[in-house]
mmCIF file of all heavy atoms, coordinates in Angstrom:
data_MODEL
# 
_entry.id   MODEL 
# 
loop_
_atom_site.group_PDB 
_atom_site.id 
_atom_site.type_symbol 
_atom_site.label_atom_id 
_atom_site.label_alt_id 
_atom_site.label_comp_id 
_atom_site.label_asym_id 
_atom_site.label_entity_id 
_atom_site.label_seq_id 
_atom_site.pdbx_PDB_ins_code 
_atom_site.Cartn_x 
_atom_site.Cartn_y 
_atom_site.Cartn_z 
_atom_site.occupancy 
_atom_site.B_iso_or_equiv 
_atom_site.pdbx_formal_charge 
_atom_site.auth_seq_id 
_atom_site.auth_comp_id 
_atom_site.auth_asym_id 
_atom_site.auth_atom_id 
_atom_site.pdbx_PDB_model_num 
ATOM 1   N N   . ALA A 1 1  ? 145.330 123.708 80.597  1.00 0.00 ? 1  ALA A N   1 
ATOM 2   C CA  . ALA A 1 1  ? 145.544 122.986 81.928  1.00 0.00 ? 1  ALA A CA  1 
ATOM 3   C C   . ALA A 1 1  ? 144.265 123.145 82.757  1.00 0.00 ? 1  ALA A C   1 
ATOM 4   O O   . ALA A 1 1  ? 143.991 122.244 83.561  1.00 0.00 ? 1  ALA A O   1 
ATOM 5   C CB  . ALA A 1 1  ? 146.624 123.497 82.618  1.00 0.00 ? 1  ALA A CB  1 
ATOM 6   N N   . GLY A 1 2  ? 143.315 124.123 82.509  1.00 0.00 ? 2  GLY A N   1 
ATOM 7   C CA  . GLY A 1 2  ? 142.145 124.306 83.349  1.00 0.00 ? 2  GLY A CA  1 
ATOM 8   C C   . GLY A 1 2  ? 141.005 123.324 82.861  1.00 0.00 ? 2  GLY A C   1 
ATOM 9   O O   . GLY A 1 2  ? 139.883 123.486 83.498  1.00 0.00 ? 2  GLY A O   1 
ATOM 10  N N   . VAL A 1 3  ? 141.266 122.400 81.894  1.00 0.00 ? 3  VAL A N   1 
ATOM 11  C CA  . VAL A 1 3  ? 140.147 121.686 81.395  1.00 0.00 ? 3  VAL A CA  1 
ATOM 12  C C   . VAL A 1 3  ? 139.445 120.797 82.449  1.00 0.00 ? 3  VAL A C   1 
ATOM 13  O O   . VAL A 1 3  ? 138.236 120.508 82.468  1.00 0.00 ? 3  VAL A O   1 
ATOM 14  C CB  . VAL A 1 3  ? 140.617 120.790 80.261  1.00 0.00 ? 3  VAL A CB  1 
ATOM 15  C CG1 . VAL A 1 3  ? 141.664 119.650 80.741  1.00 0.00 ? 3  VAL A CG1 1 
ATOM 16  C CG2 . VAL A 1 3  ? 139.478 120.057 79.524  1.00 0.00 ? 3  VAL A CG2 1 
ATOM 17  N N   . GLY A 1 4  ? 140.268 120.393 83.522  1.00 0.00 ? 4  GLY A N   1 
ATOM 18  C CA  . GLY A 1 4  ? 139.656 119.655 84.554  1.00 0.00 ? 4  GLY A CA  1 
ATOM 19  C C   . GLY A 1 4  ? 138.704 120.255 85.412  1.00 0.00 ? 4  GLY A C   1 
ATOM 20  O O   . GLY A 1 4  ? 137.786 119.578 86.126  1.00 0.00 ? 4  GLY A O   1 
ATOM 21  N N   . PHE A 1 5  ? 138.523 121.595 85.256  1.00 0.00 ? 5  PHE A N   1 
ATOM 22  C CA  . PHE A 1 5  ? 137.400 122.443 86.070  1.00 0.00 ? 5  PHE A CA  1 
ATOM 23  C C   . PHE A 1 5  ? 136.058 122.357 85.364  1.00 0.00 ? 5  PHE A C   1 
ATOM 24  O O   . PHE A 1 5  ? 135.034 122.727 85.919  1.00 0.00 ? 5  PHE A O   1 
ATOM 25  C CB  . PHE A 1 5  ? 137.993 123.893 86.178  1.00 0.00 ? 5  PHE A CB  1 
ATOM 26  C CG  . PHE A 1 5  ? 137.140 124.583 87.254  1.00 0.00 ? 5  PHE A CG  1 
ATOM 27  C CD1 . PHE A 1 5  ? 137.368 124.403 88.707  1.00 0.00 ? 5  PHE A CD1 1 
ATOM 28  C CD2 . PHE A 1 5  ? 136.124 125.449 86.920  1.00 0.00 ? 5  PHE A CD2 1 
ATOM 29  C CE1 . PHE A 1 5  ? 136.731 125.089 89.517  1.00 0.00 ? 5  PHE A CE1 1 
ATOM 30  C CE2 . PHE A 1 5  ? 135.445 126.176 87.755  1.00 0.00 ? 5  PHE A CE2 1 
ATOM 31  C CZ  . PHE A 1 5  ? 135.656 126.004 89.172  1.00 0.00 ? 5  PHE A CZ  1 
ATOM 32  N N   . LEU A 1 6  ? 136.013 121.882 84.094  1.00 0.00 ? 6  LEU A N   1 
ATOM 33  C CA  . LEU A 1 6  ? 134.777 121.995 83.393  1.00 0.00 ? 6  LEU A CA  1 
ATOM 34  C C   . LEU A 1 6  ? 133.624 121.087 83.977  1.00 0.00 ? 6  LEU A C   1 
ATOM 35  O O   . LEU A 1 6  ? 132.646 121.678 84.179  1.00 0.00 ? 6  LEU A O   1 
ATOM 36  C CB  . LEU A 1 6  ? 134.984 121.446 81.994  1.00 0.00 ? 6  LEU A CB  1 
ATOM 37  C CG  . LEU A 1 6  ? 135.775 122.448 80.963  1.00 0.00 ? 6  LEU A CG  1 
ATOM 38  C CD1 . LEU A 1 6  ? 135.993 121.803 79.694  1.00 0.00 ? 6  LEU A CD1 1 
ATOM 39  C CD2 . LEU A 1 6  ? 135.172 123.825 80.955  1.00 0.00 ? 6  LEU A CD2 1 
ATOM 40  N N   . PRO A 1 7  ? 133.892 119.847 84.360  1.00 0.00 ? 7  PRO A N   1 
ATOM 41  C CA  . PRO A 1 7  ? 132.887 119.156 85.067  1.00 0.00 ? 7  PRO A CA  1 
ATOM 42  C C   . PRO A 1 7  ? 132.492 119.695 86.398  1.00 0.00 ? 7  PRO A C   1 
ATOM 43  O O   . PRO A 1 7  ? 131.306 119.702 86.802  1.00 0.00 ? 7  PRO A O   1 
ATOM 44  C CB  . PRO A 1 7  ? 133.389 117.635 85.281  1.00 0.00 ? 7  PRO A CB  1 
ATOM 45  C CG  . PRO A 1 7  ? 134.830 117.894 85.034  1.00 0.00 ? 7  PRO A CG  1 
ATOM 46  C CD  . PRO A 1 7  ? 135.044 119.005 84.155  1.00 0.00 ? 7  PRO A CD  1 
ATOM 47  N N   . VAL A 1 8  ? 133.523 120.280 87.137  1.00 0.00 ? 8  VAL A N   1 
ATOM 48  C CA  . VAL A 1 8  ? 133.266 120.960 88.393  1.00 0.00 ? 8  VAL A CA  1 
ATOM 49  C C   . VAL A 1 8  ? 132.404 122.220 88.164  1.00 0.00 ? 8  VAL A C   1 
ATOM 50  O O   . VAL A 1 8  ? 131.419 122.505 88.924  1.00 0.00 ? 8  VAL A O   1 
ATOM 51  C CB  . VAL A 1 8  ? 134.557 121.422 89.072  1.00 0.00 ? 8  VAL A CB  1 
ATOM 52  C CG1 . VAL A 1 8  ? 134.406 122.189 90.374  1.00 0.00 ? 8  VAL A CG1 1 
ATOM 53  C CG2 . VAL A 1 8  ? 135.508 120.290 89.322  1.00 0.00 ? 8  VAL A CG2 1 
ATOM 54  N N   . SER A 1 9  ? 132.582 122.828 87.109  1.00 0.00 ? 9  SER A N   1 
ATOM 55  C CA  . SER A 1 9  ? 131.838 124.098 86.671  1.00 0.00 ? 9  SER A CA  1 
ATOM 56  C C   . SER A 1 9  ? 130.391 123.695 86.568  1.00 0.00 ? 9  SER A C   1 
ATOM 57  O O   . SER A 1 9  ? 129.516 124.443 86.967  1.00 0.00 ? 9  SER A O   1 
ATOM 58  C CB  . SER A 1 9  ? 132.356 124.702 85.442  1.00 0.00 ? 9  SER A CB  1 
ATOM 59  O OG  . SER A 1 9  ? 131.473 125.712 84.933  1.00 0.00 ? 9  SER A OG  1 
ATOM 60  N N   . PHE A 1 10 ? 130.063 122.607 85.900  1.00 0.00 ? 10 PHE A N   1 
ATOM 61  C CA  . PHE A 1 10 ? 128.748 122.205 85.657  1.00 0.00 ? 10 PHE A CA  1 
ATOM 62  C C   . PHE A 1 10 ? 128.105 121.864 86.955  1.00 0.00 ? 10 PHE A C   1 
ATOM 63  O O   . PHE A 1 10 ? 126.872 122.188 87.232  1.00 0.00 ? 10 PHE A O   1 
ATOM 64  C CB  . PHE A 1 10 ? 128.715 120.970 84.672  1.00 0.00 ? 10 PHE A CB  1 
ATOM 65  C CG  . PHE A 1 10 ? 127.304 120.462 84.513  1.00 0.00 ? 10 PHE A CG  1 
ATOM 66  C CD1 . PHE A 1 10 ? 126.332 121.145 83.619  1.00 0.00 ? 10 PHE A CD1 1 
ATOM 67  C CD2 . PHE A 1 10 ? 126.837 119.286 85.104  1.00 0.00 ? 10 PHE A CD2 1 
ATOM 68  C CE1 . PHE A 1 10 ? 125.073 120.622 83.350  1.00 0.00 ? 10 PHE A CE1 1 
ATOM 69  C CE2 . PHE A 1 10 ? 125.550 118.824 84.860  1.00 0.00 ? 10 PHE A CE2 1 
ATOM 70  C CZ  . PHE A 1 10 ? 124.770 119.487 84.005  1.00 0.00 ? 10 PHE A CZ  1 
ATOM 71  N N   . ILE A 1 11 ? 128.783 121.221 87.883  1.00 0.00 ? 11 ILE A N   1 
ATOM 72  C CA  . ILE A 1 11 ? 128.310 120.972 89.231  1.00 0.00 ? 11 ILE A CA  1 
ATOM 73  C C   . ILE A 1 11 ? 127.933 122.210 89.883  1.00 0.00 ? 11 ILE A C   1 
ATOM 74  O O   . ILE A 1 11 ? 126.925 122.303 90.689  1.00 0.00 ? 11 ILE A O   1 
ATOM 75  C CB  . ILE A 1 11 ? 129.195 119.979 90.022  1.00 0.00 ? 11 ILE A CB  1 
ATOM 76  C CG1 . ILE A 1 11 ? 129.276 118.631 89.245  1.00 0.00 ? 11 ILE A CG1 1 
ATOM 77  C CG2 . ILE A 1 11 ? 128.648 119.794 91.299  1.00 0.00 ? 11 ILE A CG2 1 
ATOM 78  C CD1 . ILE A 1 11 ? 130.317 117.753 89.828  1.00 0.00 ? 11 ILE A CD1 1 
ATOM 79  N N   . LEU A 1 12 ? 128.866 123.099 89.887  1.00 0.00 ? 12 LEU A N   1 
ATOM 80  C CA  . LEU A 1 12 ? 128.649 124.499 90.546  1.00 0.00 ? 12 LEU A CA  1 
ATOM 81  C C   . LEU A 1 12 ? 127.443 125.218 90.014  1.00 0.00 ? 12 LEU A C   1 
ATOM 82  O O   . LEU A 1 12 ? 126.697 125.830 90.749  1.00 0.00 ? 12 LEU A O   1 
ATOM 83  C CB  . LEU A 1 12 ? 129.856 125.233 90.410  1.00 0.00 ? 12 LEU A CB  1 
ATOM 84  C CG  . LEU A 1 12 ? 131.192 124.813 91.213  1.00 0.00 ? 12 LEU A CG  1 
ATOM 85  C CD1 . LEU A 1 12 ? 132.371 125.583 90.912  1.00 0.00 ? 12 LEU A CD1 1 
ATOM 86  C CD2 . LEU A 1 12 ? 130.839 124.782 92.684  1.00 0.00 ? 12 LEU A CD2 1 
ATOM 87  N N   . PHE A 1 13 ? 127.179 125.072 88.730  1.00 0.00 ? 13 PHE A N   1 
ATOM 88  C CA  . PHE A 1 13 ? 126.015 125.603 88.072  1.00 0.00 ? 13 PHE A CA  1 
ATOM 89  C C   . PHE A 1 13 ? 124.745 125.022 88.746  1.00 0.00 ? 13 PHE A C   1 
ATOM 90  O O   . PHE A 1 13 ? 123.907 125.791 89.086  1.00 0.00 ? 13 PHE A O   1 
ATOM 91  C CB  . PHE A 1 13 ? 126.131 125.511 86.574  1.00 0.00 ? 13 PHE A CB  1 
ATOM 92  C CG  . PHE A 1 13 ? 124.653 125.946 86.036  1.00 0.00 ? 13 PHE A CG  1 
ATOM 93  C CD1 . PHE A 1 13 ? 124.427 127.185 85.841  1.00 0.00 ? 13 PHE A CD1 1 
ATOM 94  C CD2 . PHE A 1 13 ? 123.663 124.888 85.596  1.00 0.00 ? 13 PHE A CD2 1 
ATOM 95  C CE1 . PHE A 1 13 ? 123.207 127.688 85.194  1.00 0.00 ? 13 PHE A CE1 1 
ATOM 96  C CE2 . PHE A 1 13 ? 122.517 125.282 85.048  1.00 0.00 ? 13 PHE A CE2 1 
ATOM 97  C CZ  . PHE A 1 13 ? 122.252 126.627 84.926  1.00 0.00 ? 13 PHE A CZ  1 
ATOM 98  N N   . LEU A 1 14 ? 124.769 123.736 88.835  1.00 0.00 ? 14 LEU A N   1 
ATOM 99  C CA  . LEU A 1 14 ? 123.603 123.145 89.558  1.00 0.00 ? 14 LEU A CA  1 
ATOM 100 C C   . LEU A 1 14 ? 123.413 123.648 90.980  1.00 0.00 ? 14 LEU A C   1 
ATOM 101 O O   . LEU A 1 14 ? 122.291 123.675 91.544  1.00 0.00 ? 14 LEU A O   1 
ATOM 102 C CB  . LEU A 1 14 ? 123.628 121.587 89.425  1.00 0.00 ? 14 LEU A CB  1 
ATOM 103 C CG  . LEU A 1 14 ? 123.879 120.943 87.960  1.00 0.00 ? 14 LEU A CG  1 
ATOM 104 C CD1 . LEU A 1 14 ? 123.913 119.395 88.267  1.00 0.00 ? 14 LEU A CD1 1 
ATOM 105 C CD2 . LEU A 1 14 ? 122.496 121.365 87.240  1.00 0.00 ? 14 LEU A CD2 1 
ATOM 106 N N   . GLY A 1 15 ? 124.617 123.971 91.560  1.00 0.00 ? 15 GLY A N   1 
ATOM 107 C CA  . GLY A 1 15 ? 124.571 124.425 92.964  1.00 0.00 ? 15 GLY A CA  1 
ATOM 108 C C   . GLY A 1 15 ? 123.792 125.898 93.033  1.00 0.00 ? 15 GLY A C   1 
ATOM 109 O O   . GLY A 1 15 ? 123.514 126.276 94.238  1.00 0.00 ? 15 GLY A O   1 
ATOM 110 N N   . LEU A 1 16 ? 123.575 126.474 92.027  1.00 0.00 ? 16 LEU A N   1 
ATOM 111 C CA  . LEU A 1 16 ? 122.829 127.834 91.993  1.00 0.00 ? 16 LEU A CA  1 
ATOM 112 C C   . LEU A 1 16 ? 121.398 127.466 92.270  1.00 0.00 ? 16 LEU A C   1 
ATOM 113 O O   . LEU A 1 16 ? 120.635 128.423 92.795  1.00 0.00 ? 16 LEU A O   1 
ATOM 114 C CB  . LEU A 1 16 ? 122.972 128.515 90.690  1.00 0.00 ? 16 LEU A CB  1 
ATOM 115 C CG  . LEU A 1 16 ? 124.317 129.131 90.349  1.00 0.00 ? 16 LEU A CG  1 
ATOM 116 C CD1 . LEU A 1 16 ? 124.384 129.591 88.951  1.00 0.00 ? 16 LEU A CD1 1 
ATOM 117 C CD2 . LEU A 1 16 ? 124.744 130.156 91.367  1.00 0.00 ? 16 LEU A CD2 1 
ATOM 118 N N   . TRP A 1 17 ? 120.881 126.299 92.053  1.00 0.00 ? 17 TRP A N   1 
ATOM 119 C CA  . TRP A 1 17 ? 119.440 126.108 92.261  1.00 0.00 ? 17 TRP A CA  1 
ATOM 120 C C   . TRP A 1 17 ? 118.942 126.441 93.657  1.00 0.00 ? 17 TRP A C   1 
ATOM 121 O O   . TRP A 1 17 ? 117.828 127.064 93.778  1.00 0.00 ? 17 TRP A O   1 
ATOM 122 C CB  . TRP A 1 17 ? 119.054 124.550 91.818  1.00 0.00 ? 17 TRP A CB  1 
ATOM 123 C CG  . TRP A 1 17 ? 117.700 124.258 91.977  1.00 0.00 ? 17 TRP A CG  1 
ATOM 124 C CD1 . TRP A 1 17 ? 117.077 123.562 93.080  1.00 0.00 ? 17 TRP A CD1 1 
ATOM 125 C CD2 . TRP A 1 17 ? 116.632 124.518 91.146  1.00 0.00 ? 17 TRP A CD2 1 
ATOM 126 N NE1 . TRP A 1 17 ? 115.879 123.402 92.943  1.00 0.00 ? 17 TRP A NE1 1 
ATOM 127 C CE2 . TRP A 1 17 ? 115.458 123.968 91.693  1.00 0.00 ? 17 TRP A CE2 1 
ATOM 128 C CE3 . TRP A 1 17 ? 116.499 125.229 89.931  1.00 0.00 ? 17 TRP A CE3 1 
ATOM 129 C CZ2 . TRP A 1 17 ? 114.123 124.088 91.116  1.00 0.00 ? 17 TRP A CZ2 1 
ATOM 130 C CZ3 . TRP A 1 17 ? 115.278 125.370 89.362  1.00 0.00 ? 17 TRP A CZ3 1 
ATOM 131 C CH2 . TRP A 1 17 ? 114.139 124.710 89.955  1.00 0.00 ? 17 TRP A CH2 1 
ATOM 132 N N   . PRO A 1 18 ? 119.584 125.920 94.662  1.00 0.00 ? 18 PRO A N   1 
ATOM 133 C CA  . PRO A 1 18 ? 119.050 126.351 96.088  1.00 0.00 ? 18 PRO A CA  1 
ATOM 134 C C   . PRO A 1 18 ? 118.923 127.770 96.339  1.00 0.00 ? 18 PRO A C   1 
ATOM 135 O O   . PRO A 1 18 ? 118.276 128.126 97.130  1.00 0.00 ? 18 PRO A O   1 
ATOM 136 C CB  . PRO A 1 18 ? 120.073 125.513 96.937  1.00 0.00 ? 18 PRO A CB  1 
ATOM 137 C CG  . PRO A 1 18 ? 120.634 124.492 96.236  1.00 0.00 ? 18 PRO A CG  1 
ATOM 138 C CD  . PRO A 1 18 ? 120.729 125.110 94.787  1.00 0.00 ? 18 PRO A CD  1 
ATOM 139 N N   . GLY A 1 19 ? 119.886 128.630 95.556  1.00 0.00 ? 19 GLY A N   1 
ATOM 140 C CA  . GLY A 1 19 ? 119.827 130.010 95.842  1.00 0.00 ? 19 GLY A CA  1 
ATOM 141 C C   . GLY A 1 19 ? 119.115 130.794 94.858  1.00 0.00 ? 19 GLY A C   1 
ATOM 142 O O   . GLY A 1 19 ? 119.134 132.040 94.893  1.00 0.00 ? 19 GLY A O   1 
ATOM 143 N N   . ARG A 1 20 ? 118.266 130.174 94.110  1.00 0.00 ? 20 ARG A N   1 
ATOM 144 C CA  . ARG A 1 20 ? 117.527 130.825 93.005  1.00 0.00 ? 20 ARG A CA  1 
ATOM 145 C C   . ARG A 1 20 ? 116.672 131.998 93.427  1.00 0.00 ? 20 ARG A C   1 
ATOM 146 O O   . ARG A 1 20 ? 116.488 132.946 92.885  1.00 0.00 ? 20 ARG A O   1 
ATOM 147 C CB  . ARG A 1 20 ? 116.777 129.797 92.184  1.00 0.00 ? 20 ARG A CB  1 
ATOM 148 C CG  . ARG A 1 20 ? 115.605 129.099 92.983  1.00 0.00 ? 20 ARG A CG  1 
ATOM 149 C CD  . ARG A 1 20 ? 115.126 127.927 92.220  1.00 0.00 ? 20 ARG A CD  1 
ATOM 150 N NE  . ARG A 1 20 ? 114.038 127.245 92.954  1.00 0.00 ? 20 ARG A NE  1 
ATOM 151 C CZ  . ARG A 1 20 ? 114.183 126.399 93.985  1.00 0.00 ? 20 ARG A CZ  1 
ATOM 152 N NH1 . ARG A 1 20 ? 115.400 126.171 94.430  1.00 0.00 ? 20 ARG A NH1 1 
ATOM 153 N NH2 . ARG A 1 20 ? 113.192 125.820 94.587  1.00 0.00 ? 20 ARG A NH2 1 
ATOM 154 N N   . ASN A 1 21 ? 116.008 131.769 94.606  1.00 0.00 ? 21 ASN A N   1 
ATOM 155 C CA  . ASN A 1 21 ? 115.120 132.871 95.117  1.00 0.00 ? 21 ASN A CA  1 
ATOM 156 C C   . ASN A 1 21 ? 115.770 133.957 95.559  1.00 0.00 ? 21 ASN A C   1 
ATOM 157 O O   . ASN A 1 21 ? 115.205 135.092 95.627  1.00 0.00 ? 21 ASN A O   1 
ATOM 158 C CB  . ASN A 1 21 ? 114.094 132.163 96.213  1.00 0.00 ? 21 ASN A CB  1 
ATOM 159 C CG  . ASN A 1 21 ? 113.178 131.219 95.684  1.00 0.00 ? 21 ASN A CG  1 
ATOM 160 O OD1 . ASN A 1 21 ? 112.425 131.358 94.651  1.00 0.00 ? 21 ASN A OD1 1 
ATOM 161 N ND2 . ASN A 1 21 ? 113.090 130.009 96.381  1.00 0.00 ? 21 ASN A ND2 1 
ATOM 162 N N   . GLU A 1 22 ? 116.997 133.911 96.032  1.00 0.00 ? 22 GLU A N   1 
ATOM 163 C CA  . GLU A 1 22 ? 117.759 135.108 96.491  1.00 0.00 ? 22 GLU A CA  1 
ATOM 164 C C   . GLU A 1 22 ? 118.571 135.763 95.318  1.00 0.00 ? 22 GLU A C   1 
ATOM 165 O O   . GLU A 1 22 ? 118.967 136.948 95.404  1.00 0.00 ? 22 GLU A O   1 
ATOM 166 C CB  . GLU A 1 22 ? 118.800 134.647 97.479  1.00 0.00 ? 22 GLU A CB  1 
ATOM 167 C CG  . GLU A 1 22 ? 117.982 134.124 98.891  1.00 0.00 ? 22 GLU A CG  1 
ATOM 168 C CD  . GLU A 1 22 ? 118.894 134.376 100.104 1.00 0.00 ? 22 GLU A CD  1 
ATOM 169 O OE1 . GLU A 1 22 ? 119.439 135.404 100.265 1.00 0.00 ? 22 GLU A OE1 1 
ATOM 170 O OE2 . GLU A 1 22 ? 118.867 133.396 100.916 1.00 0.00 ? 22 GLU A OE2 1 
ATOM 171 N N   . LEU A 1 23 ? 118.733 135.010 94.188  1.00 0.00 ? 23 LEU A N   1 
ATOM 172 C CA  . LEU A 1 23 ? 119.473 135.555 93.054  1.00 0.00 ? 23 LEU A CA  1 
ATOM 173 C C   . LEU A 1 23 ? 118.504 136.259 92.012  1.00 0.00 ? 23 LEU A C   1 
ATOM 174 O O   . LEU A 1 23 ? 118.884 137.325 91.581  1.00 0.00 ? 23 LEU A O   1 
ATOM 175 C CB  . LEU A 1 23 ? 120.149 134.428 92.451  1.00 0.00 ? 23 LEU A CB  1 
ATOM 176 C CG  . LEU A 1 23 ? 121.402 133.877 93.212  1.00 0.00 ? 23 LEU A CG  1 
ATOM 177 C CD1 . LEU A 1 23 ? 122.028 132.700 92.483  1.00 0.00 ? 23 LEU A CD1 1 
ATOM 178 C CD2 . LEU A 1 23 ? 122.577 134.967 93.333  1.00 0.00 ? 23 LEU A CD2 1 
ATOM 179 N N   . PHE A 1 24 ? 117.413 135.742 91.947  1.00 0.00 ? 24 PHE A N   1 
ATOM 180 C CA  . PHE A 1 24 ? 116.534 136.060 90.728  1.00 0.00 ? 24 PHE A CA  1 
ATOM 181 C C   . PHE A 1 24 ? 115.224 136.730 91.263  1.00 0.00 ? 24 PHE A C   1 
ATOM 182 O O   . PHE A 1 24 ? 114.308 136.048 91.674  1.00 0.00 ? 24 PHE A O   1 
ATOM 183 C CB  . PHE A 1 24 ? 116.266 134.950 89.863  1.00 0.00 ? 24 PHE A CB  1 
ATOM 184 C CG  . PHE A 1 24 ? 117.525 134.236 89.333  1.00 0.00 ? 24 PHE A CG  1 
ATOM 185 C CD1 . PHE A 1 24 ? 117.835 133.002 89.602  1.00 0.00 ? 24 PHE A CD1 1 
ATOM 186 C CD2 . PHE A 1 24 ? 118.548 135.006 88.635  1.00 0.00 ? 24 PHE A CD2 1 
ATOM 187 C CE1 . PHE A 1 24 ? 118.739 132.278 89.204  1.00 0.00 ? 24 PHE A CE1 1 
ATOM 188 C CE2 . PHE A 1 24 ? 119.495 134.353 88.120  1.00 0.00 ? 24 PHE A CE2 1 
ATOM 189 C CZ  . PHE A 1 24 ? 119.841 132.980 88.372  1.00 0.00 ? 24 PHE A CZ  1 
ATOM 190 N N   . PHE A 1 25 ? 115.240 138.095 91.254  1.00 0.00 ? 25 PHE A N   1 
ATOM 191 C CA  . PHE A 1 25 ? 113.967 138.784 91.755  1.00 0.00 ? 25 PHE A CA  1 
ATOM 192 C C   . PHE A 1 25 ? 112.739 138.457 90.979  1.00 0.00 ? 25 PHE A C   1 
ATOM 193 O O   . PHE A 1 25 ? 111.632 138.432 91.578  1.00 0.00 ? 25 PHE A O   1 
ATOM 194 C CB  . PHE A 1 25 ? 114.227 140.195 91.804  1.00 0.00 ? 25 PHE A CB  1 
ATOM 195 C CG  . PHE A 1 25 ? 114.100 140.833 90.342  1.00 0.00 ? 25 PHE A CG  1 
ATOM 196 C CD1 . PHE A 1 25 ? 112.926 141.257 89.908  1.00 0.00 ? 25 PHE A CD1 1 
ATOM 197 C CD2 . PHE A 1 25 ? 115.197 140.824 89.501  1.00 0.00 ? 25 PHE A CD2 1 
ATOM 198 C CE1 . PHE A 1 25 ? 112.906 141.810 88.634  1.00 0.00 ? 25 PHE A CE1 1 
ATOM 199 C CE2 . PHE A 1 25 ? 115.124 141.286 88.218  1.00 0.00 ? 25 PHE A CE2 1 
ATOM 200 C CZ  . PHE A 1 25 ? 113.872 141.903 87.672  1.00 0.00 ? 25 PHE A CZ  1 
ATOM 201 N N   . TRP A 1 26 ? 112.872 138.052 89.750  1.00 0.00 ? 26 TRP A N   1 
ATOM 202 C CA  . TRP A 1 26 ? 111.857 137.881 88.804  1.00 0.00 ? 26 TRP A CA  1 
ATOM 203 C C   . TRP A 1 26 ? 111.006 136.493 89.200  1.00 0.00 ? 26 TRP A C   1 
ATOM 204 O O   . TRP A 1 26 ? 110.024 136.224 88.572  1.00 0.00 ? 26 TRP A O   1 
ATOM 205 C CB  . TRP A 1 26 ? 112.149 137.895 87.419  1.00 0.00 ? 26 TRP A CB  1 
ATOM 206 C CG  . TRP A 1 26 ? 113.491 137.269 87.079  1.00 0.00 ? 26 TRP A CG  1 
ATOM 207 C CD1 . TRP A 1 26 ? 114.665 137.840 86.918  1.00 0.00 ? 26 TRP A CD1 1 
ATOM 208 C CD2 . TRP A 1 26 ? 113.645 135.834 86.767  1.00 0.00 ? 26 TRP A CD2 1 
ATOM 209 N NE1 . TRP A 1 26 ? 115.651 136.876 86.608  1.00 0.00 ? 26 TRP A NE1 1 
ATOM 210 C CE2 . TRP A 1 26 ? 115.063 135.603 86.555  1.00 0.00 ? 26 TRP A CE2 1 
ATOM 211 C CE3 . TRP A 1 26 ? 112.925 134.711 86.820  1.00 0.00 ? 26 TRP A CE3 1 
ATOM 212 C CZ2 . TRP A 1 26 ? 115.634 134.449 86.287  1.00 0.00 ? 26 TRP A CZ2 1 
ATOM 213 C CZ3 . TRP A 1 26 ? 113.353 133.535 86.595  1.00 0.00 ? 26 TRP A CZ3 1 
ATOM 214 C CH2 . TRP A 1 26 ? 114.825 133.317 86.354  1.00 0.00 ? 26 TRP A CH2 1 
# 
């Protein structure tokens, strides 16, 4: 039943881009 979240998951992954400098010290 959770299959509908898969496209949402991909969009949320792209949402990590603005926070990259605070997430990845390297």
